[in-house]
Amino acid sequence: MQDALPYTKTTKFNESLRAYDFVFPAADNINSAVKMTIAKLEQFSGFKAWVDVTKKG
């Protein structure tokens, strides 16, 4: 499948997501949200790293 974005992207997830058993990622509008586990989100997104956006320094 070809990437819809014409530029390179790096997907990172905030550590706070780990507190949830399920997340509802969406694309475009509220009707396109799907329920999935964090493990499935990692698998399907091709993410690169977990980050803590609230960490200072």
PDB file of N, CA and C in Angstrom:
ATOM      1  N   MET A   1       0.842  -1.181   0.000  1.00  0.00           N
ATOM      2  CA  MET A   1       0.000   0.000   0.000  1.00  0.00           C
ATOM      3  C   MET A   1       0.882   1.237   0.000  1.00  0.00           C
ATOM      4  N   GLN A   2       0.565   2.183  -0.844  1.00  0.00           N
ATOM      5  CA  GLN A   2       1.350   3.404  -0.944  1.00  0.00           C
ATOM      6  C   GLN A   2       0.937   4.379   0.150  1.00  0.00           C
ATOM      7  N   ASP A   3       1.901   5.047   0.731  1.00  0.00           N
ATOM      8  CA  ASP A   3       1.649   6.038   1.766  1.00  0.00           C
ATOM      9  C   ASP A   3       0.891   7.212   1.151  1.00  0.00           C
ATOM     10  N   ALA A   4      -0.154   7.665   1.839  1.00  0.00           N
ATOM     11  CA  ALA A   4      -0.970   8.763   1.327  1.00  0.00           C
ATOM     12  C   ALA A   4      -0.263  10.107   1.444  1.00  0.00           C
ATOM     13  N   LEU A   5       0.716  10.208   2.327  1.00  0.00           N
ATOM     14  CA  LEU A   5       1.428  11.465   2.513  1.00  0.00           C
ATOM     15  C   LEU A   5       2.659  11.508   1.611  1.00  0.00           C
ATOM     16  N   PRO A   6       2.874  12.624   0.927  1.00  0.00           N
ATOM     17  CA  PRO A   6       4.000  12.708  -0.011  1.00  0.00           C
ATOM     18  C   PRO A   6       5.346  12.989   0.656  1.00  0.00           C
ATOM     19  N   TYR A   7       5.406  12.997   1.955  1.00  0.00           N
ATOM     20  CA  TYR A   7       6.647  13.275   2.666  1.00  0.00           C
ATOM     21  C   TYR A   7       6.879  12.216   3.739  1.00  0.00           C
ATOM     22  N   THR A   8       8.093  12.136   4.222  1.00  0.00           N
ATOM     23  CA  THR A   8       8.430  11.174   5.260  1.00  0.00           C
ATOM     24  C   THR A   8       7.872  11.640   6.588  1.00  0.00           C
ATOM     25  N   LYS A   9       7.286  10.728   7.319  1.00  0.00           N
ATOM     26  CA  LYS A   9       6.738  11.065   8.631  1.00  0.00           C
ATOM     27  C   LYS A   9       7.319  10.126   9.678  1.00  0.00           C
ATOM     28  N   THR A  10       7.401  10.589  10.893  1.00  0.00           N
ATOM     29  CA  THR A  10       7.821   9.756  12.005  1.00  0.00           C
ATOM     30  C   THR A  10       6.705   9.785  13.029  1.00  0.00           C
ATOM     31  N   THR A  11       6.144   8.631  13.330  1.00  0.00           N
ATOM     32  CA  THR A  11       5.050   8.544  14.283  1.00  0.00           C
ATOM     33  C   THR A  11       5.596   8.192  15.654  1.00  0.00           C
ATOM     34  N   LYS A  12       5.235   9.004  16.632  1.00  0.00           N
ATOM     35  CA  LYS A  12       5.632   8.752  18.016  1.00  0.00           C
ATOM     36  C   LYS A  12       4.379   8.778  18.878  1.00  0.00           C
ATOM     37  N   PHE A  13       4.364   7.941  19.914  1.00  0.00           N
ATOM     38  CA  PHE A  13       3.234   7.895  20.829  1.00  0.00           C
ATOM     39  C   PHE A  13       3.644   8.435  22.180  1.00  0.00           C
ATOM     40  N   ASN A  14       2.752   9.179  22.807  1.00  0.00           N
ATOM     41  CA  ASN A  14       3.021   9.677  24.141  1.00  0.00           C
ATOM     42  C   ASN A  14       2.821   8.549  25.157  1.00  0.00           C
ATOM     43  N   GLU A  15       3.676   8.527  26.166  1.00  0.00           N
ATOM     44  CA  GLU A  15       3.628   7.503  27.217  1.00  0.00           C
ATOM     45  C   GLU A  15       2.254   7.397  27.882  1.00  0.00           C
ATOM     46  N   SER A  16       1.504   8.483  27.930  1.00  0.00           N
ATOM     47  CA  SER A  16       0.202   8.480  28.598  1.00  0.00           C
ATOM     48  C   SER A  16      -0.779   7.489  27.969  1.00  0.00           C
ATOM     49  N   LEU A  17      -0.583   7.118  26.710  1.00  0.00           N
ATOM     50  CA  LEU A  17      -1.466   6.139  26.058  1.00  0.00           C
ATOM     51  C   LEU A  17      -1.398   4.766  26.711  1.00  0.00           C
ATOM     52  N   ARG A  18      -0.267   4.459  27.317  1.00  0.00           N
ATOM     53  CA  ARG A  18      -0.091   3.138  27.933  1.00  0.00           C
ATOM     54  C   ARG A  18      -1.042   2.883  29.094  1.00  0.00           C
ATOM     55  N   ALA A  19      -1.685   3.922  29.601  1.00  0.00           N
ATOM     56  CA  ALA A  19      -2.623   3.784  30.717  1.00  0.00           C
ATOM     57  C   ALA A  19      -3.953   3.155  30.281  1.00  0.00           C
ATOM     58  N   TYR A  20      -4.175   3.057  28.989  1.00  0.00           N
ATOM     59  CA  TYR A  20      -5.455   2.582  28.465  1.00  0.00           C
ATOM     60  C   TYR A  20      -5.321   1.191  27.851  1.00  0.00           C
ATOM     61  N   ASP A  21      -6.371   0.389  28.035  1.00  0.00           N
ATOM     62  CA  ASP A  21      -6.417  -0.928  27.402  1.00  0.00           C
ATOM     63  C   ASP A  21      -6.747  -0.808  25.921  1.00  0.00           C
ATOM     64  N   PHE A  22      -7.592   0.167  25.605  1.00  0.00           N
ATOM     65  CA  PHE A  22      -8.012   0.394  24.221  1.00  0.00           C
ATOM     66  C   PHE A  22      -7.931   1.875  23.900  1.00  0.00           C
ATOM     67  N   VAL A  23      -7.682   2.169  22.633  1.00  0.00           N
ATOM     68  CA  VAL A  23      -7.716   3.537  22.131  1.00  0.00           C
ATOM     69  C   VAL A  23      -8.617   3.570  20.909  1.00  0.00           C
ATOM     70  N   PHE A  24      -9.022   4.759  20.502  1.00  0.00           N
ATOM     71  CA  PHE A  24      -9.913   4.923  19.364  1.00  0.00           C
ATOM     72  C   PHE A  24      -9.287   5.887  18.354  1.00  0.00           C
ATOM     73  N   PRO A  25      -8.257   5.422  17.631  1.00  0.00           N
ATOM     74  CA  PRO A  25      -7.649   6.304  16.635  1.00  0.00           C
ATOM     75  C   PRO A  25      -8.659   6.604  15.527  1.00  0.00           C
ATOM     76  N   ALA A  26      -8.612   7.811  15.030  1.00  0.00           N
ATOM     77  CA  ALA A  26      -9.549   8.212  13.983  1.00  0.00           C
ATOM     78  C   ALA A  26      -8.800   8.918  12.860  1.00  0.00           C
ATOM     79  N   ALA A  27      -9.393   8.875  11.702  1.00  0.00           N
ATOM     80  CA  ALA A  27      -8.845   9.590  10.557  1.00  0.00           C
ATOM     81  C   ALA A  27      -9.983  10.300   9.849  1.00  0.00           C
ATOM     82  N   ASP A  28      -9.800  11.555   9.609  1.00  0.00           N
ATOM     83  CA  ASP A  28     -10.738  12.363   8.844  1.00  0.00           C
ATOM     84  C   ASP A  28     -11.938  12.844   9.650  1.00  0.00           C
ATOM     85  N   ASN A  29     -12.716  11.923  10.264  1.00  0.00           N
ATOM     86  CA  ASN A  29     -13.894  12.368  11.003  1.00  0.00           C
ATOM     87  C   ASN A  29     -14.255  11.363  12.091  1.00  0.00           C
ATOM     88  N   ILE A  30     -15.196  11.713  12.943  1.00  0.00           N
ATOM     89  CA  ILE A  30     -15.569  10.876  14.086  1.00  0.00           C
ATOM     90  C   ILE A  30     -16.119   9.515  13.667  1.00  0.00           C
ATOM     91  N   ASN A  31     -16.672   9.411  12.481  1.00  0.00           N
ATOM     92  CA  ASN A  31     -17.252   8.149  12.015  1.00  0.00           C
ATOM     93  C   ASN A  31     -16.214   7.139  11.558  1.00  0.00           C
ATOM     94  N   SER A  32     -14.958   7.546  11.504  1.00  0.00           N
ATOM     95  CA  SER A  32     -13.920   6.620  11.045  1.00  0.00           C
ATOM     96  C   SER A  32     -13.076   6.070  12.197  1.00  0.00           C
ATOM     97  N   ALA A  33     -13.465   6.314  13.420  1.00  0.00           N
ATOM     98  CA  ALA A  33     -12.721   5.807  14.574  1.00  0.00           C
ATOM     99  C   ALA A  33     -12.920   4.299  14.720  1.00  0.00           C
ATOM    100  N   VAL A  34     -11.862   3.615  15.159  1.00  0.00           N
ATOM    101  CA  VAL A  34     -11.937   2.183  15.403  1.00  0.00           C
ATOM    102  C   VAL A  34     -11.323   1.877  16.766  1.00  0.00           C
ATOM    103  N   LYS A  35     -11.871   0.913  17.454  1.00  0.00           N
ATOM    104  CA  LYS A  35     -11.358   0.516  18.764  1.00  0.00           C
ATOM    105  C   LYS A  35     -10.229  -0.491  18.567  1.00  0.00           C
ATOM    106  N   MET A  36      -9.079  -0.238  19.190  1.00  0.00           N
ATOM    107  CA  MET A  36      -7.980  -1.197  19.102  1.00  0.00           C
ATOM    108  C   MET A  36      -7.090  -1.132  20.327  1.00  0.00           C
ATOM    109  N   THR A  37      -6.358  -2.204  20.537  1.00  0.00           N
ATOM    110  CA  THR A  37      -5.410  -2.258  21.639  1.00  0.00           C
ATOM    111  C   THR A  37      -4.168  -1.440  21.279  1.00  0.00           C
ATOM    112  N   ILE A  38      -3.391  -1.106  22.297  1.00  0.00           N
ATOM    113  CA  ILE A  38      -2.145  -0.385  22.067  1.00  0.00           C
ATOM    114  C   ILE A  38      -1.212  -1.227  21.184  1.00  0.00           C
ATOM    115  N   ALA A  39      -1.180  -2.529  21.419  1.00  0.00           N
ATOM    116  CA  ALA A  39      -0.327  -3.412  20.610  1.00  0.00           C
ATOM    117  C   ALA A  39      -0.717  -3.349  19.132  1.00  0.00           C
ATOM    118  N   LYS A  40      -1.997  -3.336  18.837  1.00  0.00           N
ATOM    119  CA  LYS A  40      -2.459  -3.252  17.444  1.00  0.00           C
ATOM    120  C   LYS A  40      -2.142  -1.879  16.860  1.00  0.00           C
ATOM    121  N   LEU A  41      -2.278  -0.838  17.671  1.00  0.00           N
ATOM    122  CA  LEU A  41      -1.941   0.500  17.206  1.00  0.00           C
ATOM    123  C   LEU A  41      -0.464   0.578  16.823  1.00  0.00           C
ATOM    124  N   GLU A  42       0.381  -0.004  17.657  1.00  0.00           N
ATOM    125  CA  GLU A  42       1.811  -0.062  17.349  1.00  0.00           C
ATOM    126  C   GLU A  42       2.046  -0.802  16.030  1.00  0.00           C
ATOM    127  N   GLN A  43       1.394  -1.930  15.886  1.00  0.00           N
ATOM    128  CA  GLN A  43       1.577  -2.783  14.701  1.00  0.00           C
ATOM    129  C   GLN A  43       1.143  -2.079  13.416  1.00  0.00           C
ATOM    130  N   PHE A  44      -0.023  -1.480  13.430  1.00  0.00           N
ATOM    131  CA  PHE A  44      -0.584  -0.914  12.203  1.00  0.00           C
ATOM    132  C   PHE A  44      -0.054   0.472  11.862  1.00  0.00           C
ATOM    133  N   SER A  45       0.460   1.188  12.836  1.00  0.00           N
ATOM    134  CA  SER A  45       0.889   2.566  12.586  1.00  0.00           C
ATOM    135  C   SER A  45       2.323   2.679  12.103  1.00  0.00           C
ATOM    136  N   GLY A  46       3.136   1.670  12.396  1.00  0.00           N
ATOM    137  CA  GLY A  46       4.544   1.766  12.042  1.00  0.00           C
ATOM    138  C   GLY A  46       5.274   2.795  12.889  1.00  0.00           C
ATOM    139  N   PHE A  47       4.830   2.972  14.117  1.00  0.00           N
ATOM    140  CA  PHE A  47       5.413   3.991  14.991  1.00  0.00           C
ATOM    141  C   PHE A  47       6.893   3.728  15.230  1.00  0.00           C
ATOM    142  N   LYS A  48       7.607   4.785  15.631  1.00  0.00           N
ATOM    143  CA  LYS A  48       9.054   4.690  15.819  1.00  0.00           C
ATOM    144  C   LYS A  48       9.479   4.721  17.283  1.00  0.00           C
ATOM    145  N   ALA A  49       8.719   5.386  18.157  1.00  0.00           N
ATOM    146  CA  ALA A  49       9.186   5.534  19.539  1.00  0.00           C
ATOM    147  C   ALA A  49       8.058   5.963  20.459  1.00  0.00           C
ATOM    148  N   TRP A  50       8.254   5.625  21.727  1.00  0.00           N
ATOM    149  CA  TRP A  50       7.417   6.139  22.802  1.00  0.00           C
ATOM    150  C   TRP A  50       8.128   7.359  23.362  1.00  0.00           C
ATOM    151  N   VAL A  51       7.383   8.436  23.603  1.00  0.00           N
ATOM    152  CA  VAL A  51       7.964   9.662  24.127  1.00  0.00           C
ATOM    153  C   VAL A  51       7.117  10.176  25.297  1.00  0.00           C
ATOM    154  N   ASP A  52       7.717  11.020  26.123  1.00  0.00           N
ATOM    155  CA  ASP A  52       6.994  11.671  27.207  1.00  0.00           C
ATOM    156  C   ASP A  52       7.013  13.161  26.913  1.00  0.00           C
ATOM    157  N   VAL A  53       5.908  13.662  26.362  1.00  0.00           N
ATOM    158  CA  VAL A  53       5.881  15.059  25.957  1.00  0.00           C
ATOM    159  C   VAL A  53       5.821  16.017  27.129  1.00  0.00           C
ATOM    160  N   THR A  54       5.549  15.512  28.326  1.00  0.00           N
ATOM    161  CA  THR A  54       5.504  16.374  29.507  1.00  0.00           C
ATOM    162  C   THR A  54       6.840  16.421  30.242  1.00  0.00           C
ATOM    163  N   LYS A  55       7.789  15.611  29.822  1.00  0.00           N
ATOM    164  CA  LYS A  55       9.100  15.562  30.472  1.00  0.00           C
ATOM    165  C   LYS A  55       9.880  16.840  30.171  1.00  0.00           C
ATOM    166  N   LYS A  56      10.439  17.403  31.206  1.00  0.00           N
ATOM    167  CA  LYS A  56      11.219  18.628  31.046  1.00  0.00           C
ATOM    168  C   LYS A  56      12.690  18.299  30.897  1.00  0.00           C
ATOM    169  N   GLY A  57      13.341  19.003  29.983  1.00  0.00           N
ATOM    170  CA  GLY A  57      14.768  18.862  29.813  1.00  0.00           C
ATOM    171  C   GLY A  57      15.117  17.624  29.130  1.00  0.00           C
TER     172      GLY A  57
END
